[in-house]
């Protein structure tokens, strides 16, 4: 039976992550309060940020920016898309 969490992003009960997705206390906080569905939404948003801002995941400034955006996206009202971003048709 899958583990469930009261997802802080979705504001409802949902299937939890199988493992801690990020190191440290932030990763534990995500594991305890974010669902698989919400994490998948973050991964898609993060990919868009990496592409639109042309970020390198090995750059410390880019990693810091992504962690800040991850916290905003999952816990604090959302991370915004870049100005002029047009969402592709699904």
N, C-alpha and C. Protein backbone atom coordinates (compact mmCIF):
# COMPACT_ATOMS: atom_id res chain seq x y z
N UNK A 1 0.85 -1.19 0.00
CA UNK A 1 0.00 0.00 0.00
C UNK A 1 0.89 1.24 0.00
N UNK A 2 0.66 2.17 -0.93
CA UNK A 2 1.51 3.36 -1.01
C UNK A 2 1.33 4.26 0.21
N UNK A 3 2.40 4.95 0.51
CA UNK A 3 2.39 5.92 1.61
C UNK A 3 1.62 7.16 1.15
N UNK A 4 0.80 7.72 2.01
CA UNK A 4 0.07 8.94 1.66
C UNK A 4 0.52 10.08 2.56
N UNK A 5 0.40 11.28 2.02
CA UNK A 5 0.71 12.49 2.77
C UNK A 5 -0.41 13.49 2.57
N UNK A 6 -0.52 14.41 3.50
CA UNK A 6 -1.41 15.54 3.32
C UNK A 6 -0.59 16.58 2.56
N UNK A 7 -0.70 16.59 1.25
CA UNK A 7 0.17 17.40 0.39
C UNK A 7 -0.09 18.89 0.59
N UNK A 8 0.98 19.61 0.94
CA UNK A 8 0.87 21.04 1.17
C UNK A 8 0.69 21.82 -0.13
N UNK A 9 1.12 21.25 -1.24
CA UNK A 9 0.98 21.91 -2.54
C UNK A 9 -0.43 21.70 -3.10
N UNK A 10 -0.89 20.46 -3.08
CA UNK A 10 -2.21 20.13 -3.63
C UNK A 10 -3.35 20.43 -2.67
N UNK A 11 -3.02 20.58 -1.40
CA UNK A 11 -4.02 20.85 -0.35
C UNK A 11 -5.00 19.68 -0.20
N UNK A 12 -4.47 18.45 -0.37
CA UNK A 12 -5.30 17.26 -0.20
C UNK A 12 -4.41 16.05 0.06
N UNK A 13 -5.04 14.98 0.46
CA UNK A 13 -4.34 13.71 0.67
C UNK A 13 -3.94 13.13 -0.69
N UNK A 14 -2.68 12.67 -0.80
CA UNK A 14 -2.19 12.12 -2.06
C UNK A 14 -1.04 11.17 -1.78
N UNK A 15 -0.68 10.39 -2.79
CA UNK A 15 0.42 9.43 -2.65
C UNK A 15 1.74 10.16 -2.41
N UNK A 16 2.46 9.71 -1.38
CA UNK A 16 3.72 10.33 -1.03
C UNK A 16 4.88 9.82 -1.86
N UNK A 17 5.99 10.51 -1.75
CA UNK A 17 7.22 10.12 -2.44
C UNK A 17 7.77 8.83 -1.85
N UNK A 18 8.51 8.08 -2.66
CA UNK A 18 9.10 6.83 -2.21
C UNK A 18 10.37 7.04 -1.40
N UNK A 19 11.04 8.17 -1.66
CA UNK A 19 12.29 8.45 -0.94
C UNK A 19 12.47 9.96 -0.83
N UNK A 20 13.40 10.37 0.01
CA UNK A 20 13.71 11.79 0.18
C UNK A 20 14.33 12.29 -1.13
N UNK A 21 13.74 13.33 -1.76
CA UNK A 21 14.17 13.74 -3.08
C UNK A 21 15.33 14.75 -3.11
N UNK A 22 15.69 15.27 -1.95
CA UNK A 22 16.70 16.33 -1.88
C UNK A 22 17.42 16.18 -0.55
N UNK A 23 18.70 16.48 -0.49
CA UNK A 23 19.43 16.29 0.77
C UNK A 23 19.03 17.29 1.86
N UNK A 24 19.28 16.90 3.09
CA UNK A 24 19.13 17.81 4.22
C UNK A 24 17.70 18.00 4.70
N UNK A 25 17.53 19.00 5.57
CA UNK A 25 16.22 19.27 6.15
C UNK A 25 15.14 19.62 5.12
N UNK A 26 15.52 20.32 4.05
CA UNK A 26 14.54 20.65 3.02
C UNK A 26 14.01 19.38 2.36
N UNK A 27 14.90 18.44 2.08
CA UNK A 27 14.48 17.17 1.50
C UNK A 27 13.54 16.41 2.40
N UNK A 28 13.82 16.42 3.71
CA UNK A 28 12.94 15.75 4.66
C UNK A 28 11.58 16.43 4.72
N UNK A 29 11.58 17.75 4.67
CA UNK A 29 10.32 18.51 4.67
C UNK A 29 9.49 18.17 3.43
N UNK A 30 10.16 18.06 2.28
CA UNK A 30 9.47 17.69 1.04
C UNK A 30 8.91 16.28 1.16
N UNK A 31 9.71 15.35 1.65
CA UNK A 31 9.29 13.96 1.79
C UNK A 31 8.06 13.84 2.68
N UNK A 32 8.01 14.61 3.74
CA UNK A 32 6.91 14.51 4.71
C UNK A 32 5.65 15.24 4.26
N UNK A 33 5.76 16.24 3.37
CA UNK A 33 4.58 17.04 3.07
C UNK A 33 4.25 17.29 1.62
N UNK A 34 4.97 16.62 0.71
CA UNK A 34 4.74 16.85 -0.72
C UNK A 34 4.48 15.50 -1.40
N UNK A 35 3.49 15.47 -2.26
CA UNK A 35 3.11 14.23 -2.95
C UNK A 35 3.93 14.00 -4.21
N UNK A 36 3.82 12.79 -4.74
CA UNK A 36 4.47 12.47 -6.02
C UNK A 36 3.98 13.39 -7.12
N UNK A 37 2.68 13.64 -7.14
CA UNK A 37 2.09 14.50 -8.17
C UNK A 37 2.66 15.92 -8.10
N UNK A 38 2.76 16.46 -6.88
CA UNK A 38 3.30 17.81 -6.71
C UNK A 38 4.78 17.84 -7.07
N UNK A 39 5.54 16.80 -6.69
CA UNK A 39 6.96 16.75 -7.02
C UNK A 39 7.14 16.71 -8.54
N UNK A 40 6.32 15.94 -9.23
CA UNK A 40 6.39 15.86 -10.69
C UNK A 40 6.10 17.23 -11.32
N UNK A 41 5.16 17.97 -10.73
CA UNK A 41 4.85 19.32 -11.23
C UNK A 41 6.07 20.23 -11.04
N UNK A 42 6.76 20.09 -9.89
CA UNK A 42 7.97 20.88 -9.66
C UNK A 42 9.05 20.52 -10.68
N UNK A 43 9.25 19.25 -10.95
CA UNK A 43 10.29 18.83 -11.90
C UNK A 43 10.02 19.45 -13.27
N UNK A 44 8.76 19.46 -13.70
CA UNK A 44 8.41 20.09 -14.98
C UNK A 44 8.70 21.59 -14.94
N UNK A 45 8.34 22.24 -13.84
CA UNK A 45 8.58 23.68 -13.70
C UNK A 45 10.08 23.97 -13.66
N UNK A 46 10.82 23.16 -12.93
CA UNK A 46 12.27 23.33 -12.84
C UNK A 46 12.92 23.20 -14.22
N UNK A 47 12.46 22.23 -15.01
CA UNK A 47 12.99 22.04 -16.36
C UNK A 47 12.74 23.28 -17.21
N UNK A 48 11.55 23.85 -17.08
CA UNK A 48 11.23 25.08 -17.80
C UNK A 48 12.16 26.21 -17.36
N UNK A 49 12.40 26.35 -16.06
CA UNK A 49 13.29 27.40 -15.56
C UNK A 49 14.71 27.20 -16.09
N UNK A 50 15.20 25.96 -16.04
CA UNK A 50 16.54 25.68 -16.56
C UNK A 50 16.66 26.07 -18.03
N UNK A 51 15.65 25.72 -18.81
CA UNK A 51 15.68 26.01 -20.25
C UNK A 51 15.51 27.49 -20.55
N UNK A 52 14.52 28.11 -19.94
CA UNK A 52 14.22 29.51 -20.26
C UNK A 52 15.31 30.47 -19.79
N UNK A 53 15.89 30.19 -18.63
CA UNK A 53 16.96 31.05 -18.10
C UNK A 53 18.34 30.56 -18.52
N UNK A 54 18.38 29.43 -19.25
CA UNK A 54 19.64 28.83 -19.70
C UNK A 54 20.60 28.63 -18.52
N UNK A 55 20.08 27.98 -17.49
CA UNK A 55 20.85 27.73 -16.28
C UNK A 55 21.66 26.45 -16.40
N UNK A 56 22.78 26.43 -15.73
CA UNK A 56 23.60 25.23 -15.64
C UNK A 56 23.44 24.67 -14.23
N UNK A 57 23.02 23.42 -14.09
CA UNK A 57 22.83 22.87 -12.75
C UNK A 57 24.11 22.73 -11.94
N UNK A 58 25.27 22.88 -12.58
CA UNK A 58 26.52 22.81 -11.81
C UNK A 58 26.96 24.19 -11.30
N UNK A 59 26.32 25.24 -11.75
CA UNK A 59 26.63 26.59 -11.29
C UNK A 59 26.01 26.83 -9.91
N UNK A 60 26.83 27.18 -8.90
CA UNK A 60 26.28 27.40 -7.55
C UNK A 60 25.17 28.46 -7.50
N UNK A 61 25.29 29.52 -8.28
CA UNK A 61 24.24 30.55 -8.29
C UNK A 61 22.94 30.00 -8.86
N UNK A 62 23.04 29.18 -9.90
CA UNK A 62 21.84 28.57 -10.48
C UNK A 62 21.21 27.60 -9.49
N UNK A 63 22.01 26.81 -8.80
CA UNK A 63 21.47 25.87 -7.80
C UNK A 63 20.77 26.62 -6.68
N UNK A 64 21.38 27.71 -6.21
CA UNK A 64 20.75 28.52 -5.16
C UNK A 64 19.41 29.07 -5.64
N UNK A 65 19.38 29.59 -6.86
CA UNK A 65 18.14 30.11 -7.45
C UNK A 65 17.08 29.00 -7.51
N UNK A 66 17.47 27.80 -7.97
CA UNK A 66 16.51 26.71 -8.10
C UNK A 66 15.98 26.24 -6.75
N UNK A 67 16.81 26.24 -5.72
CA UNK A 67 16.34 25.86 -4.38
C UNK A 67 15.33 26.88 -3.88
N UNK A 68 15.62 28.17 -4.09
CA UNK A 68 14.67 29.22 -3.68
C UNK A 68 13.35 29.07 -4.43
N UNK A 69 13.43 28.82 -5.73
CA UNK A 69 12.22 28.64 -6.53
C UNK A 69 11.46 27.38 -6.12
N UNK A 70 12.19 26.31 -5.78
CA UNK A 70 11.56 25.07 -5.34
C UNK A 70 10.76 25.32 -4.06
N UNK A 71 11.35 26.04 -3.11
CA UNK A 71 10.63 26.33 -1.87
C UNK A 71 9.39 27.18 -2.14
N UNK A 72 9.52 28.19 -3.00
CA UNK A 72 8.36 29.02 -3.34
C UNK A 72 7.29 28.18 -4.04
N UNK A 73 7.70 27.34 -4.98
CA UNK A 73 6.75 26.54 -5.75
C UNK A 73 5.99 25.57 -4.86
N UNK A 74 6.70 24.85 -4.01
CA UNK A 74 6.08 23.79 -3.22
C UNK A 74 5.41 24.29 -1.93
N UNK A 75 5.96 25.34 -1.31
CA UNK A 75 5.49 25.74 0.01
C UNK A 75 4.99 27.17 0.11
N UNK A 76 5.33 28.04 -0.85
CA UNK A 76 5.07 29.44 -0.60
C UNK A 76 4.37 30.22 -1.68
N UNK A 77 3.34 29.72 -2.25
CA UNK A 77 2.55 30.52 -3.16
C UNK A 77 2.94 30.46 -4.62
N UNK A 78 3.97 29.72 -4.95
CA UNK A 78 4.27 29.49 -6.36
C UNK A 78 5.47 30.24 -6.89
N UNK A 79 6.08 29.65 -7.86
CA UNK A 79 7.21 30.21 -8.58
C UNK A 79 6.68 30.67 -9.93
N UNK A 80 7.08 31.84 -10.34
CA UNK A 80 6.56 32.41 -11.58
C UNK A 80 7.41 32.00 -12.77
N UNK A 81 6.78 31.87 -13.91
CA UNK A 81 7.49 31.64 -15.17
C UNK A 81 8.18 32.94 -15.57
N UNK A 82 9.23 32.87 -16.36
CA UNK A 82 9.91 34.08 -16.83
C UNK A 82 8.97 34.97 -17.64
N UNK A 83 9.26 36.27 -17.63
CA UNK A 83 8.49 37.21 -18.45
C UNK A 83 8.54 36.77 -19.90
N UNK A 84 7.40 36.78 -20.56
CA UNK A 84 7.32 36.43 -21.96
C UNK A 84 7.24 34.94 -22.24
N UNK A 85 7.23 34.11 -21.19
CA UNK A 85 7.16 32.68 -21.40
C UNK A 85 5.77 32.30 -21.91
N UNK A 86 5.74 31.53 -22.98
CA UNK A 86 4.48 31.05 -23.55
C UNK A 86 4.47 29.53 -23.36
N UNK A 87 3.51 29.04 -22.60
CA UNK A 87 3.42 27.61 -22.35
C UNK A 87 3.06 26.87 -23.64
N UNK A 88 3.87 25.86 -23.99
CA UNK A 88 3.55 25.12 -25.22
C UNK A 88 2.25 24.34 -25.06
N UNK A 89 1.57 24.12 -26.18
CA UNK A 89 0.34 23.33 -26.13
C UNK A 89 0.67 21.90 -25.75
N UNK A 90 -0.15 21.35 -24.89
CA UNK A 90 0.11 19.98 -24.42
C UNK A 90 -0.31 18.94 -25.41
